[in-house]
C-alpha atoms as a PDB file:
ATOM      1  CA  MET A   1     -24.969  62.952  17.998  1.00  0.00           C
ATOM      2  CA  ARG A   2     -26.036  60.427  20.646  1.00  0.00           C
ATOM      3  CA  ILE A   3     -24.343  62.424  23.413  1.00  0.00           C
ATOM      4  CA  LEU A   4     -26.102  65.588  22.250  1.00  0.00           C
ATOM      5  CA  LYS A   5     -29.455  63.829  22.488  1.00  0.00           C
ATOM      6  CA  MET A   6     -28.584  62.617  25.988  1.00  0.00           C
ATOM      7  CA  TYR A   7     -27.689  66.176  26.997  1.00  0.00           C
ATOM      8  CA  GLN A   8     -30.957  67.483  25.599  1.00  0.00           C
ATOM      9  CA  ARG A   9     -32.855  64.958  27.749  1.00  0.00           C
ATOM     10  CA  LEU A  10     -31.174  66.116  30.960  1.00  0.00           C
ATOM     11  CA  SER A  11     -33.443  67.805  33.441  1.00  0.00           C
ATOM     12  CA  ASN A  12     -33.038  71.527  34.001  1.00  0.00           C
ATOM     13  CA  GLU A  13     -31.681  70.710  37.466  1.00  0.00           C
ATOM     14  CA  ASP A  14     -28.983  68.462  35.981  1.00  0.00           C
ATOM     15  CA  LYS A  15     -28.079  71.088  33.400  1.00  0.00           C
ATOM     16  CA  ALA A  16     -27.769  73.671  36.187  1.00  0.00           C
ATOM     17  CA  ASN A  17     -25.352  71.371  38.030  1.00  0.00           C
ATOM     18  CA  LEU A  18     -23.025  70.422  35.166  1.00  0.00           C
ATOM     19  CA  THR A  19     -20.123  72.461  36.564  1.00  0.00           C
ATOM     20  CA  THR A  20     -20.503  70.734  39.919  1.00  0.00           C
ATOM     21  CA  TYR A  21     -20.637  67.319  38.233  1.00  0.00           C
ATOM     22  CA  CYS A  22     -17.453  68.118  36.309  1.00  0.00           C
ATOM     23  CA  THR A  23     -15.795  69.212  39.543  1.00  0.00           C
ATOM     24  CA  TYR A  24     -16.728  65.927  41.201  1.00  0.00           C
ATOM     25  CA  ASP A  25     -15.440  64.081  38.144  1.00  0.00           C
ATOM     26  CA  SER A  26     -12.049  65.810  38.495  1.00  0.00           C
ATOM     27  CA  ILE A  27     -11.849  64.896  42.175  1.00  0.00           C
ATOM     28  CA  TYR A  28     -12.660  61.255  41.501  1.00  0.00           C
ATOM     29  CA  ASP A  29     -10.280  61.215  38.526  1.00  0.00           C
ATOM     30  CA  VAL A  30      -7.379  62.112  40.816  1.00  0.00           C
ATOM     31  CA  SER A  31      -8.614  59.587  43.355  1.00  0.00           C
ATOM     32  CA  ARG A  32      -8.623  56.825  40.710  1.00  0.00           C
ATOM     33  CA  ASN A  33      -5.222  57.841  39.352  1.00  0.00           C
ATOM     34  CA  GLU A  34      -3.686  57.837  42.815  1.00  0.00           C
ATOM     35  CA  GLU A  35      -5.579  54.688  43.808  1.00  0.00           C
ATOM     36  CA  ILE A  36      -6.984  56.192  46.982  1.00  0.00           C
ATOM     37  CA  ASN A  37     -10.479  56.566  48.364  1.00  0.00           C
ATOM     38  CA  ILE A  38     -11.583  60.015  49.417  1.00  0.00           C
ATOM     39  CA  ASP A  39     -14.469  60.162  51.861  1.00  0.00           C
ATOM     40  CA  ASP A  40     -17.654  61.983  50.857  1.00  0.00           C
ATOM     41  CA  GLU A  41     -17.141  64.838  53.324  1.00  0.00           C
ATOM     42  CA  THR A  42     -13.715  65.607  51.870  1.00  0.00           C
ATOM     43  CA  VAL A  43     -15.056  65.387  48.320  1.00  0.00           C
ATOM     44  CA  ILE A  44     -17.757  67.908  49.210  1.00  0.00           C
ATOM     45  CA  ASN A  45     -15.240  70.202  50.924  1.00  0.00           C
ATOM     46  CA  ILE A  46     -12.927  70.127  47.902  1.00  0.00           C
ATOM     47  CA  GLN A  47     -15.835  70.735  45.544  1.00  0.00           C
ATOM     48  CA  GLU A  48     -17.124  73.673  47.581  1.00  0.00           C
ATOM     49  CA  LEU A  49     -13.684  75.283  47.807  1.00  0.00           C
ATOM     50  CA  ALA A  50     -13.099  74.723  44.082  1.00  0.00           C
ATOM     51  CA  HIS A  51     -16.474  76.296  43.295  1.00  0.00           C
ATOM     52  CA  ASP A  52     -15.806  79.316  45.523  1.00  0.00           C
ATOM     53  CA  LEU A  53     -12.373  79.783  43.955  1.00  0.00           C
ATOM     54  CA  TYR A  54     -13.854  79.426  40.470  1.00  0.00           C
ATOM     55  CA  LEU A  55     -16.383  82.155  41.220  1.00  0.00           C
ATOM     56  CA  ASP A  56     -13.675  84.380  42.738  1.00  0.00           C
ATOM     57  CA  ASP A  57     -11.304  83.988  39.762  1.00  0.00           C
ATOM     58  CA  GLU A  58     -11.492  87.271  37.878  1.00  0.00           C
ATOM     59  CA  TYR A  59      -8.319  87.174  35.796  1.00  0.00           C
ATOM     60  CA  ARG A  60      -6.949  83.683  35.301  1.00  0.00           C
ATOM     61  CA  ASN A  61      -9.930  81.995  33.637  1.00  0.00           C
ATOM     62  CA  LEU A  62      -9.314  78.714  35.440  1.00  0.00           C
ATOM     63  CA  SER A  63     -12.040  76.112  35.176  1.00  0.00           C
ATOM     64  CA  ALA A  64     -13.731  74.687  38.256  1.00  0.00           C
ATOM     65  CA  SER A  65     -12.493  71.264  37.151  1.00  0.00           C
ATOM     66  CA  GLN A  66      -8.904  72.460  36.869  1.00  0.00           C
ATOM     67  CA  ILE A  67      -9.081  73.990  40.342  1.00  0.00           C
ATOM     68  CA  ALA A  68     -10.653  70.840  41.812  1.00  0.00           C
ATOM     69  CA  TYR A  69      -8.008  68.648  40.204  1.00  0.00           C
ATOM     70  CA  PHE A  70      -5.248  70.785  41.735  1.00  0.00           C
ATOM     71  CA  LEU A  71      -6.861  70.861  45.190  1.00  0.00           C
ATOM     72  CA  THR A  72      -7.339  67.109  45.125  1.00  0.00           C
ATOM     73  CA  GLU A  73      -3.705  66.557  44.133  1.00  0.00           C
ATOM     74  CA  CYS A  74      -2.690  68.709  47.113  1.00  0.00           C
ATOM     75  CA  TYR A  75      -4.982  66.705  49.380  1.00  0.00           C
ATOM     76  CA  VAL A  76      -3.523  63.419  48.125  1.00  0.00           C
ATOM     77  CA  LYS A  77      -0.007  64.672  48.895  1.00  0.00           C
ATOM     78  CA  ASP A  78      -1.045  65.947  52.356  1.00  0.00           C
ATOM     79  CA  ASN A  79      -4.281  64.775  53.970  1.00  0.00           C
ATOM     80  CA  SER A  80      -4.280  67.817  56.249  1.00  0.00           C
ATOM     81  CA  PHE A  81      -4.230  70.158  53.231  1.00  0.00           C
ATOM     82  CA  MET A  82      -7.880  71.234  53.462  1.00  0.00           C
ATOM     83  CA  GLU A  83      -7.437  72.334  57.062  1.00  0.00           C
ATOM     84  CA  LYS A  84      -4.226  74.201  56.251  1.00  0.00           C
ATOM     85  CA  VAL A  85      -5.745  76.280  53.436  1.00  0.00           C
ATOM     86  CA  LYS A  86      -9.022  76.993  55.196  1.00  0.00           C
ATOM     87  CA  ASP A  87      -8.128  80.605  55.997  1.00  0.00           C
ATOM     88  CA  MET A  88      -5.805  81.350  53.086  1.00  0.00           C
ATOM     89  CA  ASP A  89      -6.412  84.164  50.662  1.00  0.00           C
ATOM     90  CA  TYR A  90      -8.179  82.903  47.542  1.00  0.00           C
ATOM     91  CA  ASP A  91      -5.839  84.833  45.272  1.00  0.00           C
ATOM     92  CA  ASP A  92      -2.857  82.944  46.722  1.00  0.00           C
ATOM     93  CA  ILE A  93      -4.566  79.626  46.044  1.00  0.00           C
ATOM     94  CA  LEU A  94      -5.549  80.620  42.510  1.00  0.00           C
ATOM     95  CA  GLN A  95      -1.998  81.728  41.798  1.00  0.00           C
ATOM     96  CA  ALA A  96      -0.759  78.339  43.002  1.00  0.00           C
ATOM     97  CA  VAL A  97      -3.223  76.584  40.676  1.00  0.00           C
ATOM     98  CA  GLU A  98      -2.021  78.668  37.764  1.00  0.00           C
ATOM     99  CA  ASP A  99       1.635  77.988  38.637  1.00  0.00           C
ATOM    100  CA  ASP A 100       1.147  74.289  39.508  1.00  0.00           C
ATOM    101  CA  ASN A 101       2.785  75.085  42.845  1.00  0.00           C
ATOM    102  CA  TYR A 102       1.752  72.199  45.067  1.00  0.00           C
ATOM    103  CA  ASP A 103       3.823  73.461  47.991  1.00  0.00           C
ATOM    104  CA  PHE A 104       2.375  76.975  48.093  1.00  0.00           C
ATOM    105  CA  TYR A 105       0.572  76.506  51.389  1.00  0.00           C
ATOM    106  CA  LYS A 106       3.731  75.262  53.092  1.00  0.00           C
ATOM    107  CA  GLU A 107       5.478  78.461  52.067  1.00  0.00           C
ATOM    108  CA  GLU A 108       2.530  80.502  53.386  1.00  0.00           C
ATOM    109  CA  MET A 109       2.606  78.730  56.741  1.00  0.00           C
ATOM    110  CA  GLU A 110       6.319  79.460  57.194  1.00  0.00           C
ATOM    111  CA  ARG A 111       5.641  83.219  57.050  1.00  0.00           C
END
């Protein structure tokens, strides 16, 4: 009940940004789990890509948080990940999220 009351006291701006907050939380969750620090610019880039993918997802029903978690895991494994997927088709990325295929972009680059 206490959490509900806290939610009800949130400003309309905060309520409008809950998806973004959850996305940031996923990014920082991976960062904590992997014991690495991710700079603010990279966090914003991951969040923006996750949000764009979330909006583009018509069939898979992936959450923005799930997408952000996956993207952050990829970034942790390869710090150049964000640059490598910059021009990739969103459907390919979403399919990789759904399949938990962390090497998808390497396969794409080999083509």
